[in-house]
Amino acid sequence: MDHRCHILQVYGDDETLVDALEDFAIAGFDNGEALVLIALPAHLEALAGRLHAGGIDVEALRREERFIAVPAGETLERFMVRGRPDERRFVRTVAPLIARARGTGRRVRAFGEMVALLWSAGEYAATLELEDLWNRLLRKEEVRLFCAYPAAGFSPDVSARVHAIRAAHSAFIEG
C-alpha cells in the first residue's frame, strides 16, 4: 500500500484537533514511523502532554528524531516571499525535516498547520499554492500528510475556495 496520502481535517475546536492528531501520531508510532509536526505551539504542547500522559516517552522519540516539532509560524516565514510561498525555499525548509525523521529508512507522517495560518489570514491564493507545493513534495517523498483548518475560517462566502482546498487532499475527516 502506498504510504502517500494528504488528509484534511476541518475542526470545530482545539480538543477535536488534538484528539485526531493524537490518534494520527500513535498509529504512526505503533508502526515504527516518525512524526514531523509543523504546528501552532499550543497544539504541539497539547499533543506532547497527551502522549506523555498516555505513557509515550516523547523525549526518547525526540532523541531518536521520531518526534520532530517546529512552530508553524516561524517555519512559514522561512519560505514566504512577498506573501507567496516560494517553492525552492519551501523544499529547503521542509525536506530536511522529513529527511531527519526518515533516518535510515523509517516511514514518515507529517502534520501541518501552515496552510491554516495563511487561510485564517485571508491569504486564500497563497494557501492553495502551499497545498500544491505539499502535493508536489508528496510525489517525491513517501509521506502521510495531515493538514488541519479551523472550521471558523470556512464561511459561505469562500465556498469555491473550500472546494479547492478539499480537492487538494486525498482524504477528508469531518469533525
C-alpha atoms as a PDB file:
ATOM      1  CA  MET A   1       0.000   0.000   0.000  1.00  0.00           C
ATOM      2  CA  ASP A   2       1.261   3.438  -0.911  1.00  0.00           C
ATOM      3  CA  HIS A   3       2.019   5.413   2.232  1.00  0.00           C
ATOM      4  CA  ARG A   4       1.425   8.722   0.429  1.00  0.00           C
ATOM      5  CA  CYS A   5      -1.790  10.471   1.274  1.00  0.00           C
ATOM      6  CA  HIS A   6      -2.846  14.013   2.062  1.00  0.00           C
ATOM      7  CA  ILE A   7      -5.530  14.137   4.746  1.00  0.00           C
ATOM      8  CA  LEU A   8      -7.649  17.198   5.520  1.00  0.00           C
ATOM      9  CA  GLN A   9      -9.491  17.873   8.756  1.00  0.00           C
ATOM     10  CA  VAL A  10     -11.697  20.874   9.352  1.00  0.00           C
ATOM     11  CA  TYR A  11     -12.140  21.044  13.116  1.00  0.00           C
ATOM     12  CA  GLY A  12     -14.507  22.895  15.397  1.00  0.00           C
ATOM     13  CA  ASP A  13     -12.319  23.214  18.476  1.00  0.00           C
ATOM     14  CA  ASP A  14      -8.777  22.524  19.631  1.00  0.00           C
ATOM     15  CA  GLU A  15      -9.817  19.459  21.635  1.00  0.00           C
ATOM     16  CA  THR A  16     -11.175  17.790  18.490  1.00  0.00           C
ATOM     17  CA  LEU A  17      -7.983  18.582  16.601  1.00  0.00           C
ATOM     18  CA  VAL A  18      -5.693  17.262  19.344  1.00  0.00           C
ATOM     19  CA  ASP A  19      -7.807  14.083  19.573  1.00  0.00           C
ATOM     20  CA  ALA A  20      -7.315  13.442  15.852  1.00  0.00           C
ATOM     21  CA  LEU A  21      -3.646  14.394  15.999  1.00  0.00           C
ATOM     22  CA  GLU A  22      -3.068  12.049  18.930  1.00  0.00           C
ATOM     23  CA  ASP A  23      -4.667   9.159  17.001  1.00  0.00           C
ATOM     24  CA  PHE A  24      -2.560  10.019  13.925  1.00  0.00           C
ATOM     25  CA  ALA A  25       0.652  10.115  15.977  1.00  0.00           C
ATOM     26  CA  ILE A  26       0.016   6.928  17.950  1.00  0.00           C
ATOM     27  CA  ALA A  27      -0.875   4.976  14.803  1.00  0.00           C
ATOM     28  CA  GLY A  28       2.444   6.043  13.329  1.00  0.00           C
ATOM     29  CA  PHE A  29       4.495   5.279  16.423  1.00  0.00           C
ATOM     30  CA  ASP A  30       2.833   1.849  16.694  1.00  0.00           C
ATOM     31  CA  ASN A  31       4.076   1.171  13.152  1.00  0.00           C
ATOM     32  CA  GLY A  32       7.621   2.378  13.886  1.00  0.00           C
ATOM     33  CA  GLU A  33       7.094   5.599  11.929  1.00  0.00           C
ATOM     34  CA  ALA A  34       8.431   9.058  12.677  1.00  0.00           C
ATOM     35  CA  LEU A  35       6.346  12.205  13.040  1.00  0.00           C
ATOM     36  CA  VAL A  36       7.139  15.708  11.778  1.00  0.00           C
ATOM     37  CA  LEU A  37       4.896  18.364  13.306  1.00  0.00           C
ATOM     38  CA  ILE A  38       4.737  21.881  11.902  1.00  0.00           C
ATOM     39  CA  ALA A  39       2.090  23.278  14.188  1.00  0.00           C
ATOM     40  CA  LEU A  40       0.940  26.019  16.484  1.00  0.00           C
ATOM     41  CA  PRO A  41       2.879  25.919  19.769  1.00  0.00           C
ATOM     42  CA  ALA A  42      -0.310  25.309  21.777  1.00  0.00           C
ATOM     43  CA  HIS A  43      -1.114  22.246  19.678  1.00  0.00           C
ATOM     44  CA  LEU A  44       2.467  20.963  19.914  1.00  0.00           C
ATOM     45  CA  GLU A  45       2.345  21.269  23.713  1.00  0.00           C
ATOM     46  CA  ALA A  46      -1.107  19.692  23.978  1.00  0.00           C
ATOM     47  CA  LEU A  47      -0.083  16.716  21.860  1.00  0.00           C
ATOM     48  CA  ALA A  48       3.181  16.159  23.733  1.00  0.00           C
ATOM     49  CA  GLY A  49       1.261  16.313  27.013  1.00  0.00           C
ATOM     50  CA  ARG A  50      -1.333  13.809  25.816  1.00  0.00           C
ATOM     51  CA  LEU A  51       1.293  11.410  24.523  1.00  0.00           C
ATOM     52  CA  HIS A  52       3.274  11.651  27.765  1.00  0.00           C
ATOM     53  CA  ALA A  53       0.118  11.082  29.838  1.00  0.00           C
ATOM     54  CA  GLY A  54      -0.562   8.005  27.712  1.00  0.00           C
ATOM     55  CA  GLY A  55       2.818   6.522  28.590  1.00  0.00           C
ATOM     56  CA  ILE A  56       4.729   7.501  25.465  1.00  0.00           C
ATOM     57  CA  ASP A  57       8.275   8.730  26.109  1.00  0.00           C
ATOM     58  CA  VAL A  58       8.207  11.868  23.956  1.00  0.00           C
ATOM     59  CA  GLU A  59      11.752  12.849  24.930  1.00  0.00           C
ATOM     60  CA  ALA A  60      13.105   9.492  23.772  1.00  0.00           C
ATOM     61  CA  LEU A  61      11.220   9.926  20.480  1.00  0.00           C
ATOM     62  CA  ARG A  62      12.764  13.395  20.116  1.00  0.00           C
ATOM     63  CA  ARG A  63      16.269  11.996  20.684  1.00  0.00           C
ATOM     64  CA  GLU A  64      15.597   9.296  18.057  1.00  0.00           C
ATOM     65  CA  GLU A  65      14.270  12.014  15.697  1.00  0.00           C
ATOM     66  CA  ARG A  66      10.932  10.217  15.545  1.00  0.00           C
ATOM     67  CA  PHE A  67       9.163  13.268  17.005  1.00  0.00           C
ATOM     68  CA  ILE A  68      10.271  16.474  15.299  1.00  0.00           C
ATOM     69  CA  ALA A  69       8.205  19.502  16.258  1.00  0.00           C
ATOM     70  CA  VAL A  70       8.644  23.018  14.887  1.00  0.00           C
ATOM     71  CA  PRO A  71       6.427  26.104  15.158  1.00  0.00           C
ATOM     72  CA  ALA A  72       4.237  26.688  12.111  1.00  0.00           C
ATOM     73  CA  GLY A  73       4.582  30.482  12.049  1.00  0.00           C
ATOM     74  CA  GLU A  74       8.369  30.517  12.123  1.00  0.00           C
ATOM     75  CA  THR A  75       8.583  27.738   9.551  1.00  0.00           C
ATOM     76  CA  LEU A  76       6.169  29.507   7.225  1.00  0.00           C
ATOM     77  CA  GLU A  77       8.248  32.711   7.391  1.00  0.00           C
ATOM     78  CA  ARG A  78      11.278  30.826   6.053  1.00  0.00           C
ATOM     79  CA  PHE A  79       9.787  30.292   2.619  1.00  0.00           C
ATOM     80  CA  MET A  80       7.293  33.098   2.082  1.00  0.00           C
ATOM     81  CA  VAL A  81       8.345  35.788  -0.407  1.00  0.00           C
ATOM     82  CA  ARG A  82       6.128  38.834  -0.863  1.00  0.00           C
ATOM     83  CA  GLY A  83       3.150  36.987   0.599  1.00  0.00           C
ATOM     84  CA  ARG A  84       3.534  33.860  -1.547  1.00  0.00           C
ATOM     85  CA  PRO A  85       5.237  30.528  -0.863  1.00  0.00           C
ATOM     86  CA  ASP A  86       8.489  30.118  -2.774  1.00  0.00           C
ATOM     87  CA  GLU A  87       8.921  26.513  -3.953  1.00  0.00           C
ATOM     88  CA  ARG A  88      12.711  26.393  -3.671  1.00  0.00           C
ATOM     89  CA  ARG A  89      12.630  27.808  -0.133  1.00  0.00           C
ATOM     90  CA  PHE A  90       9.745  25.517   0.813  1.00  0.00           C
ATOM     91  CA  VAL A  91      11.693  22.433  -0.257  1.00  0.00           C
ATOM     92  CA  ARG A  92      14.845  23.679   1.505  1.00  0.00           C
ATOM     93  CA  THR A  93      12.796  24.190   4.675  1.00  0.00           C
ATOM     94  CA  VAL A  94      10.593  21.081   4.757  1.00  0.00           C
ATOM     95  CA  ALA A  95      12.645  18.373   3.017  1.00  0.00           C
ATOM     96  CA  PRO A  96      15.396  18.368   5.690  1.00  0.00           C
ATOM     97  CA  LEU A  97      12.767  17.819   8.405  1.00  0.00           C
ATOM     98  CA  ILE A  98      11.454  14.810   6.514  1.00  0.00           C
ATOM     99  CA  ALA A  99      14.989  13.523   5.896  1.00  0.00           C
ATOM    100  CA  ARG A 100      15.827  13.786   9.603  1.00  0.00           C
ATOM    101  CA  ALA A 101      12.663  11.909  10.526  1.00  0.00           C
ATOM    102  CA  ARG A 102      13.266   9.264   7.859  1.00  0.00           C
ATOM    103  CA  GLY A 103      16.680   8.485   9.364  1.00  0.00           C
ATOM    104  CA  THR A 104      17.887   5.227   7.903  1.00  0.00           C
ATOM    105  CA  GLY A 105      14.601   4.244   6.319  1.00  0.00           C
ATOM    106  CA  ARG A 106      11.651   4.910   8.592  1.00  0.00           C
ATOM    107  CA  ARG A 107       8.300   5.885   7.164  1.00  0.00           C
ATOM    108  CA  VAL A 108       7.243   9.433   7.956  1.00  0.00           C
ATOM    109  CA  ARG A 109       3.999  11.059   8.945  1.00  0.00           C
ATOM    110  CA  ALA A 110       3.689  14.833   8.943  1.00  0.00           C
ATOM    111  CA  PHE A 111       1.192  17.259  10.375  1.00  0.00           C
ATOM    112  CA  GLY A 112       0.994  20.847   9.209  1.00  0.00           C
ATOM    113  CA  GLU A 113      -0.852  23.997  10.173  1.00  0.00           C
ATOM    114  CA  MET A 114       0.960  26.491   7.971  1.00  0.00           C
ATOM    115  CA  VAL A 115      -1.915  26.383   5.482  1.00  0.00           C
ATOM    116  CA  ALA A 116      -4.346  27.144   8.311  1.00  0.00           C
ATOM    117  CA  LEU A 117      -2.325  30.211   9.248  1.00  0.00           C
ATOM    118  CA  LEU A 118      -2.482  31.508   5.688  1.00  0.00           C
ATOM    119  CA  TRP A 119      -6.185  30.653   5.367  1.00  0.00           C
ATOM    120  CA  SER A 120      -7.034  32.370   8.668  1.00  0.00           C
ATOM    121  CA  ALA A 121      -5.215  35.490   7.461  1.00  0.00           C
ATOM    122  CA  GLY A 122      -7.382  35.547   4.324  1.00  0.00           C
ATOM    123  CA  GLU A 123      -4.456  34.569   2.101  1.00  0.00           C
ATOM    124  CA  TYR A 124      -6.519  32.105   0.056  1.00  0.00           C
ATOM    125  CA  ALA A 125      -4.362  32.066  -3.085  1.00  0.00           C
ATOM    126  CA  ALA A 126      -1.206  31.540  -1.013  1.00  0.00           C
ATOM    127  CA  THR A 127      -2.966  28.722   0.881  1.00  0.00           C
ATOM    128  CA  LEU A 128      -3.805  26.898  -2.333  1.00  0.00           C
ATOM    129  CA  GLU A 129      -0.256  27.428  -3.612  1.00  0.00           C
ATOM    130  CA  LEU A 130       1.148  25.919  -0.419  1.00  0.00           C
ATOM    131  CA  GLU A 131      -1.209  22.932  -0.692  1.00  0.00           C
ATOM    132  CA  ASP A 132       0.079  22.477  -4.250  1.00  0.00           C
ATOM    133  CA  LEU A 133       3.700  22.600  -3.030  1.00  0.00           C
ATOM    134  CA  TRP A 134       2.913  19.908  -0.472  1.00  0.00           C
ATOM    135  CA  ASN A 135       1.343  17.755  -3.190  1.00  0.00           C
ATOM    136  CA  ARG A 136       4.416  18.159  -5.389  1.00  0.00           C
ATOM    137  CA  LEU A 137       6.633  17.160  -2.477  1.00  0.00           C
ATOM    138  CA  LEU A 138       4.428  14.129  -1.798  1.00  0.00           C
ATOM    139  CA  ARG A 139       5.021  12.940  -5.360  1.00  0.00           C
ATOM    140  CA  LYS A 140       8.735  12.710  -4.485  1.00  0.00           C
ATOM    141  CA  GLU A 141       8.567  11.769  -0.804  1.00  0.00           C
ATOM    142  CA  GLU A 142       6.590   8.904   0.683  1.00  0.00           C
ATOM    143  CA  VAL A 143       4.871  10.797   3.487  1.00  0.00           C
ATOM    144  CA  ARG A 144       1.431  10.578   5.056  1.00  0.00           C
ATOM    145  CA  LEU A 145       0.433  14.250   5.472  1.00  0.00           C
ATOM    146  CA  PHE A 146      -2.321  15.511   7.774  1.00  0.00           C
ATOM    147  CA  CYS A 147      -3.487  19.133   7.423  1.00  0.00           C
ATOM    148  CA  ALA A 148      -5.987  20.879   9.681  1.00  0.00           C
ATOM    149  CA  TYR A 149      -8.021  24.030   9.322  1.00  0.00           C
ATOM    150  CA  PRO A 150     -10.306  25.606  11.923  1.00  0.00           C
ATOM    151  CA  ALA A 151     -13.956  25.469  10.802  1.00  0.00           C
ATOM    152  CA  ALA A 152     -14.397  29.139  11.698  1.00  0.00           C
ATOM    153  CA  GLY A 153     -12.489  30.078   8.552  1.00  0.00           C
ATOM    154  CA  PHE A 154     -14.933  28.266   6.260  1.00  0.00           C
ATOM    155  CA  SER A 155     -17.742  30.775   5.784  1.00  0.00           C
ATOM    156  CA  PRO A 156     -20.278  30.635   2.914  1.00  0.00           C
ATOM    157  CA  ASP A 157     -18.512  33.437   1.014  1.00  0.00           C
ATOM    158  CA  VAL A 158     -15.473  31.191   0.488  1.00  0.00           C
ATOM    159  CA  SER A 159     -17.324  28.080  -0.683  1.00  0.00           C
ATOM    160  CA  ALA A 160     -15.492  27.867  -4.037  1.00  0.00           C
ATOM    161  CA  ARG A 161     -12.173  28.100  -2.222  1.00  0.00           C
ATOM    162  CA  VAL A 162     -13.279  25.413   0.236  1.00  0.00           C
ATOM    163  CA  HIS A 163     -13.952  23.108  -2.709  1.00  0.00           C
ATOM    164  CA  ALA A 164     -10.417  23.800  -3.998  1.00  0.00           C
ATOM    165  CA  ILE A 165      -8.950  23.006  -0.572  1.00  0.00           C
ATOM    166  CA  ARG A 166     -10.854  19.721  -0.392  1.00  0.00           C
ATOM    167  CA  ALA A 167      -9.762  18.843  -3.935  1.00  0.00           C
ATOM    168  CA  ALA A 168      -6.107  19.276  -2.915  1.00  0.00           C
ATOM    169  CA  HIS A 169      -6.419  16.373  -0.454  1.00  0.00           C
ATOM    170  CA  SER A 170      -6.868  12.639  -0.853  1.00  0.00           C
ATOM    171  CA  ALA A 171      -8.974  12.189   2.290  1.00  0.00           C
ATOM    172  CA  PHE A 172     -11.280  14.346   4.392  1.00  0.00           C
ATOM    173  CA  ILE A 173     -12.116  13.979   8.103  1.00  0.00           C
ATOM    174  CA  GLU A 174     -15.140  15.809   9.429  1.00  0.00           C
ATOM    175  CA  GLY A 175     -15.061  16.922  12.997  1.00  0.00           C
END
